Amino acid sequence: MTSVSVEQLYEVWAGDGELRAKVRRSLEPRGTEWLFELFASLGPRAGELLVDVGCGDARHAIRLVREHGLRAVALDALPLQVERARAEVAAAGLAAELTVVEGAVEELPLDDASTDWIWCRDVLVHADGRRGLAECARVLRPGGRMVAYVTLATELLEPREAGALVDALALVPESLDAAALESAADEGGLAQISVHRLGGEWRERMIEDGTWNASETLLEVSRLRRRERELTDEFGAAAVAACAAGSLWGVYQLVGKLAPAVYVWERR
């Protein structure tokens, strides 16, 4: 790190207008739609089977079925999410093409080599990556591919910050580690085709599009800290910690403590 004197610092600040003008210009960041563009570029064909691991309300699976003529299994480990997904699939009129089942990435209720595609977004951080990726490799046919959006810790995330996130958001520490995750994929039988390191891009795009208000998020964090004892008494420590960590998640992406990435893996 470069060290400066106070005099040098004020000289830098006095002449940093051009620098600040440059960093205020948009870098045309990729947004969340880019993930669907990436999937389309991989060449899915009508009739192939997609598994959405950790499907939530199944809206991604529904979209992918409609856009590419796929068959799909939408899978989630939480009964509440499974109920939501089934309701969304029924409302979309896709019950024949899209089956919703309960299950976890570490123990997929699918046959060996039965799947052409796996879509996995925001799930691996909550799972045993080694077991989960080995399971994904097991159910993919040889040459089948997995598209996984993951959030990884960087060297800027301090240990106490990481610990607070892990405890509050039910994260698995090893699954936040890029080297550990990539090693698990390789050992499980998945070859890395590409990795797209997004950093703060999606958050930049959200701010530019007006779909996420970073200022409001920071205000929430500050207000929560100032009233932490009172709010803990009212709502409980777990709820307050989850609220704070959830707000900091996006902020940490912007400042480089967390670094989202998208992996494309292929079954050997």
Protein backbone atom coordinates (compact mmCIF):
# COMPACT_ATOMS: atom_id res chain seq x y z
CA MET A 1 0.00 0.00 0.00
CA THR A 2 1.29 3.46 -0.91
CA SER A 3 1.97 5.71 2.07
CA VAL A 4 1.58 9.52 1.76
CA SER A 5 2.08 12.47 4.04
CA VAL A 6 -0.81 14.74 5.01
CA GLU A 7 0.59 17.42 2.68
CA GLN A 8 0.72 14.95 -0.22
CA LEU A 9 -2.78 13.77 0.58
CA TYR A 10 -4.28 17.24 0.31
CA GLU A 11 -2.37 17.86 -2.91
CA VAL A 12 -3.88 14.65 -4.32
CA TRP A 13 -7.37 15.64 -3.22
CA ALA A 14 -6.95 19.11 -4.71
CA GLY A 15 -6.21 17.65 -8.14
CA ASP A 16 -8.35 14.54 -8.31
CA GLY A 17 -11.19 16.04 -10.36
CA GLU A 18 -10.28 14.15 -13.53
CA LEU A 19 -9.95 10.85 -11.64
CA ARG A 20 -13.35 11.29 -10.00
CA ALA A 21 -14.91 12.21 -13.34
CA LYS A 22 -13.61 8.97 -14.81
CA VAL A 23 -14.90 6.74 -12.02
CA ARG A 24 -18.33 8.39 -12.22
CA ARG A 25 -18.77 7.13 -15.79
CA SER A 26 -20.70 3.91 -16.21
CA LEU A 27 -18.69 0.86 -17.20
CA GLU A 28 -21.83 -0.65 -18.77
CA PRO A 29 -21.96 -3.44 -16.19
CA ARG A 30 -23.64 -6.72 -16.88
CA GLY A 31 -26.93 -7.23 -15.07
CA THR A 32 -28.85 -10.29 -13.95
CA GLU A 33 -30.27 -10.79 -17.47
CA TRP A 34 -26.75 -11.64 -18.64
CA LEU A 35 -26.96 -15.00 -16.84
CA PHE A 36 -29.81 -16.06 -19.13
CA GLU A 37 -27.84 -14.82 -22.14
CA LEU A 38 -24.88 -16.93 -21.04
CA PHE A 39 -27.07 -20.00 -20.73
CA ALA A 40 -28.56 -19.43 -24.20
CA SER A 41 -25.07 -19.11 -25.69
CA LEU A 42 -24.26 -22.66 -24.52
CA GLY A 43 -26.78 -24.09 -26.99
CA PRO A 44 -29.58 -25.81 -25.03
CA ARG A 45 -31.87 -27.82 -27.30
CA ALA A 46 -35.59 -28.41 -27.07
CA GLY A 47 -36.51 -31.55 -25.16
CA GLU A 48 -33.32 -31.66 -23.07
CA LEU A 49 -33.66 -32.01 -19.30
CA LEU A 50 -32.72 -29.13 -16.99
CA VAL A 51 -32.48 -29.37 -13.22
CA ASP A 52 -32.81 -26.13 -11.27
CA VAL A 53 -31.03 -26.88 -7.99
CA GLY A 54 -32.32 -24.61 -5.25
CA CYS A 55 -35.19 -23.35 -7.37
CA GLY A 56 -36.89 -21.04 -4.89
CA ASP A 57 -40.21 -20.09 -6.48
CA ALA A 58 -39.16 -21.78 -9.77
CA ARG A 59 -39.33 -18.56 -11.79
CA HIS A 60 -35.94 -19.24 -13.39
CA ALA A 61 -36.91 -22.79 -14.32
CA ILE A 62 -40.21 -21.54 -15.77
CA ARG A 63 -38.40 -18.99 -17.91
CA LEU A 64 -35.81 -21.46 -19.16
CA VAL A 65 -38.47 -24.02 -20.08
CA ARG A 66 -40.41 -21.43 -22.01
CA GLU A 67 -37.44 -19.88 -23.78
CA HIS A 68 -35.71 -23.11 -24.82
CA GLY A 69 -38.42 -25.75 -24.93
CA LEU A 70 -36.75 -27.75 -22.18
CA ARG A 71 -38.13 -30.30 -19.78
CA ALA A 72 -37.21 -29.47 -16.21
CA VAL A 73 -37.06 -30.55 -12.61
CA ALA A 74 -37.18 -27.72 -10.08
CA LEU A 75 -35.70 -28.84 -6.79
CA ASP A 76 -35.47 -27.17 -3.39
CA ALA A 77 -34.57 -28.40 0.08
CA LEU A 78 -37.12 -26.20 1.87
CA PRO A 79 -40.77 -27.35 1.98
CA LEU A 80 -41.99 -23.74 1.94
CA GLN A 81 -40.11 -23.06 -1.30
CA VAL A 82 -41.39 -26.30 -2.83
CA GLU A 83 -44.98 -25.20 -2.13
CA ARG A 84 -44.33 -21.80 -3.70
CA ALA A 85 -42.69 -23.38 -6.73
CA ARG A 86 -45.57 -25.78 -7.31
CA ALA A 87 -48.04 -22.91 -7.17
CA GLU A 88 -46.02 -20.88 -9.69
CA VAL A 89 -45.64 -23.83 -12.06
CA ALA A 90 -49.37 -24.53 -11.91
CA ALA A 91 -50.17 -20.88 -12.57
CA ALA A 92 -47.81 -20.92 -15.55
CA GLY A 93 -49.54 -23.98 -16.98
CA LEU A 94 -46.31 -25.94 -17.18
CA ALA A 95 -47.08 -28.93 -14.95
CA ALA A 96 -46.45 -31.34 -17.84
CA GLU A 97 -43.02 -29.89 -18.63
CA LEU A 98 -41.78 -28.95 -15.16
CA THR A 99 -41.79 -31.17 -12.09
CA VAL A 100 -41.16 -29.71 -8.62
CA VAL A 101 -39.54 -31.98 -6.04
CA GLU A 102 -38.07 -31.59 -2.56
CA GLY A 103 -34.40 -32.36 -2.26
CA ALA A 104 -30.94 -31.00 -1.47
CA VAL A 105 -27.92 -30.55 -3.70
CA GLU A 106 -25.91 -32.93 -1.50
CA GLU A 107 -28.37 -35.78 -2.21
CA LEU A 108 -30.16 -35.25 -5.53
CA PRO A 109 -33.21 -37.52 -6.05
CA LEU A 110 -32.21 -38.20 -9.66
CA ASP A 111 -30.71 -41.10 -11.60
CA ASP A 112 -27.10 -41.25 -12.70
CA ALA A 113 -26.36 -39.53 -16.02
CA SER A 114 -30.01 -38.48 -16.38
CA THR A 115 -29.60 -34.73 -16.82
CA ASP A 116 -28.42 -32.48 -19.64
CA TRP A 117 -28.22 -29.18 -17.74
CA ILE A 118 -27.98 -27.95 -14.17
CA TRP A 119 -28.87 -24.38 -13.24
CA CYS A 120 -27.70 -23.43 -9.74
CA ARG A 121 -27.98 -19.88 -8.48
CA ASP A 122 -27.18 -18.67 -4.94
CA VAL A 123 -27.26 -22.18 -3.49
CA LEU A 124 -23.72 -23.51 -3.09
CA VAL A 125 -22.87 -21.01 -0.32
CA HIS A 126 -25.39 -22.85 1.89
CA ALA A 127 -24.22 -26.35 0.97
CA ASP A 128 -21.36 -28.76 1.36
CA GLY A 129 -19.71 -27.89 -1.93
CA ARG A 130 -17.70 -31.10 -2.18
CA ARG A 131 -20.72 -33.36 -1.75
CA GLY A 132 -23.01 -31.11 -3.76
CA LEU A 133 -20.76 -30.81 -6.79
CA ALA A 134 -20.05 -34.54 -6.78
CA GLU A 135 -23.80 -35.14 -6.83
CA CYS A 136 -24.25 -32.69 -9.70
CA ALA A 137 -21.56 -34.53 -11.64
CA ARG A 138 -23.24 -37.86 -10.90
CA VAL A 139 -26.62 -36.86 -12.37
CA LEU A 140 -25.19 -35.07 -15.42
CA ARG A 141 -24.65 -37.12 -18.54
CA PRO A 142 -21.08 -37.03 -19.92
CA GLY A 143 -20.79 -33.68 -21.67
CA GLY A 144 -23.72 -32.26 -19.71
CA ARG A 145 -23.13 -28.81 -18.27
CA MET A 146 -23.74 -26.92 -15.07
CA VAL A 147 -24.14 -23.15 -14.80
CA ALA A 148 -23.54 -22.02 -11.23
CA TYR A 149 -23.74 -18.50 -9.81
CA VAL A 150 -21.79 -18.32 -6.57
CA THR A 151 -20.68 -15.62 -4.17
CA LEU A 152 -17.08 -15.93 -3.00
CA ALA A 153 -15.10 -14.23 -0.26
CA THR A 154 -12.06 -12.14 -1.17
CA GLU A 155 -8.94 -11.34 0.83
CA LEU A 156 -10.61 -8.06 1.83
CA LEU A 157 -13.26 -9.86 3.89
CA GLU A 158 -11.94 -9.86 7.44
CA PRO A 159 -12.30 -13.04 9.52
CA ARG A 160 -14.79 -11.49 11.95
CA GLU A 161 -16.87 -10.20 9.04
CA ALA A 162 -16.81 -13.64 7.43
CA GLY A 163 -17.80 -15.26 10.73
CA ALA A 164 -20.74 -12.92 11.17
CA LEU A 165 -22.00 -13.68 7.66
CA VAL A 166 -21.56 -17.43 8.11
CA ASP A 167 -23.47 -17.46 11.40
CA ALA A 168 -26.27 -15.10 10.34
CA LEU A 169 -26.92 -16.48 6.85
CA ALA A 170 -26.34 -20.22 7.35
CA LEU A 171 -23.30 -20.27 5.06
CA VAL A 172 -20.68 -22.98 4.69
CA PRO A 173 -17.24 -21.32 5.01
CA GLU A 174 -15.51 -23.67 2.54
CA SER A 175 -18.12 -22.86 -0.11
CA LEU A 176 -17.14 -19.19 0.04
CA ASP A 177 -13.57 -20.10 -0.94
CA ALA A 178 -12.87 -20.05 -4.68
CA ALA A 179 -9.95 -22.47 -4.53
CA ALA A 180 -11.88 -24.95 -2.39
CA LEU A 181 -14.94 -24.79 -4.65
CA GLU A 182 -12.92 -25.21 -7.84
CA SER A 183 -11.02 -28.14 -6.31
CA ALA A 184 -14.29 -29.76 -5.25
CA ALA A 185 -15.69 -29.45 -8.77
CA ASP A 186 -12.58 -30.97 -10.31
CA GLU A 187 -12.44 -33.86 -7.85
CA GLY A 188 -16.16 -34.48 -8.33
CA GLY A 189 -15.75 -34.98 -12.07
CA LEU A 190 -16.56 -31.54 -13.44
CA ALA A 191 -14.22 -29.82 -15.91
CA GLN A 192 -14.20 -26.02 -15.78
CA ILE A 193 -15.23 -24.60 -19.15
CA SER A 194 -15.27 -20.96 -18.08
CA VAL A 195 -15.50 -18.67 -15.09
CA HIS A 196 -16.90 -15.14 -15.25
CA ARG A 197 -15.87 -13.01 -12.28
CA LEU A 198 -18.55 -10.37 -11.81
CA GLY A 199 -17.26 -8.51 -8.77
CA GLY A 200 -19.61 -5.58 -8.17
CA GLU A 201 -21.05 -5.53 -11.70
CA TRP A 202 -24.57 -6.69 -10.92
CA ARG A 203 -24.82 -4.28 -8.00
CA GLU A 204 -23.57 -1.41 -10.18
CA ARG A 205 -26.22 -2.27 -12.75
CA MET A 206 -28.93 -2.45 -10.09
CA ILE A 207 -28.00 1.03 -8.88
CA GLU A 208 -27.85 2.43 -12.41
CA ASP A 209 -31.21 0.85 -13.26
CA GLY A 210 -32.80 1.98 -10.01
CA THR A 211 -33.66 -1.56 -8.88
CA TRP A 212 -31.51 -1.39 -5.74
CA ASN A 213 -31.02 1.64 -3.50
CA ALA A 214 -27.59 1.36 -1.92
CA SER A 215 -28.10 4.54 0.10
CA GLU A 216 -31.26 3.17 1.67
CA THR A 217 -29.49 -0.11 2.43
CA LEU A 218 -26.66 1.72 4.19
CA LEU A 219 -29.18 3.76 6.16
CA GLU A 220 -30.84 0.52 7.29
CA VAL A 221 -27.50 -0.83 8.50
CA SER A 222 -26.70 2.35 10.41
CA ARG A 223 -30.16 2.54 11.99
CA LEU A 224 -29.99 -1.11 12.94
CA ARG A 225 -26.62 -0.65 14.62
CA ARG A 226 -27.87 2.33 16.60
CA ARG A 227 -30.95 0.43 17.81
CA GLU A 228 -29.43 -3.04 17.97
CA ARG A 229 -30.19 -3.76 21.63
CA GLU A 230 -33.78 -2.54 21.36
CA LEU A 231 -34.44 -4.44 18.13
CA THR A 232 -32.83 -7.59 19.52
CA ASP A 233 -35.15 -7.48 22.53
CA GLU A 234 -38.15 -7.12 20.21
CA PHE A 235 -37.29 -9.46 17.33
CA GLY A 236 -34.50 -11.69 18.60
CA ALA A 237 -30.77 -11.83 17.93
CA ALA A 238 -31.06 -14.17 14.93
CA ALA A 239 -33.49 -11.89 13.09
CA VAL A 240 -31.38 -8.79 13.70
CA ALA A 241 -28.17 -10.53 12.62
CA ALA A 242 -29.83 -11.87 9.46
CA CYS A 243 -31.20 -8.43 8.61
CA ALA A 244 -27.79 -6.81 9.03
CA ALA A 245 -25.93 -9.51 7.11
CA GLY A 246 -28.49 -9.48 4.31
CA SER A 247 -28.06 -5.73 3.90
CA LEU A 248 -24.26 -5.93 4.02
CA TRP A 249 -24.22 -8.72 1.39
CA GLY A 250 -24.73 -6.31 -1.51
CA VAL A 251 -22.57 -3.60 0.04
CA TYR A 252 -19.70 -6.07 0.45
CA GLN A 253 -19.99 -6.93 -3.25
CA LEU A 254 -19.67 -3.26 -4.17
CA VAL A 255 -16.58 -2.70 -2.02
CA GLY A 256 -14.88 -5.95 -3.03
CA LYS A 257 -15.20 -8.03 0.12
CA LEU A 258 -17.47 -10.48 -1.70
CA ALA A 259 -17.04 -11.38 -5.37
CA PRO A 260 -19.86 -13.10 -7.27
CA ALA A 261 -18.78 -15.40 -10.09
CA VAL A 262 -20.44 -17.66 -12.63
CA TYR A 263 -18.93 -21.04 -13.39
CA VAL A 264 -19.67 -23.23 -16.38
CA TRP A 265 -18.66 -26.83 -15.63
CA GLU A 266 -18.92 -29.89 -17.89
CA ARG A 267 -19.26 -33.51 -16.83
CA ARG A 268 -16.21 -35.45 -17.94
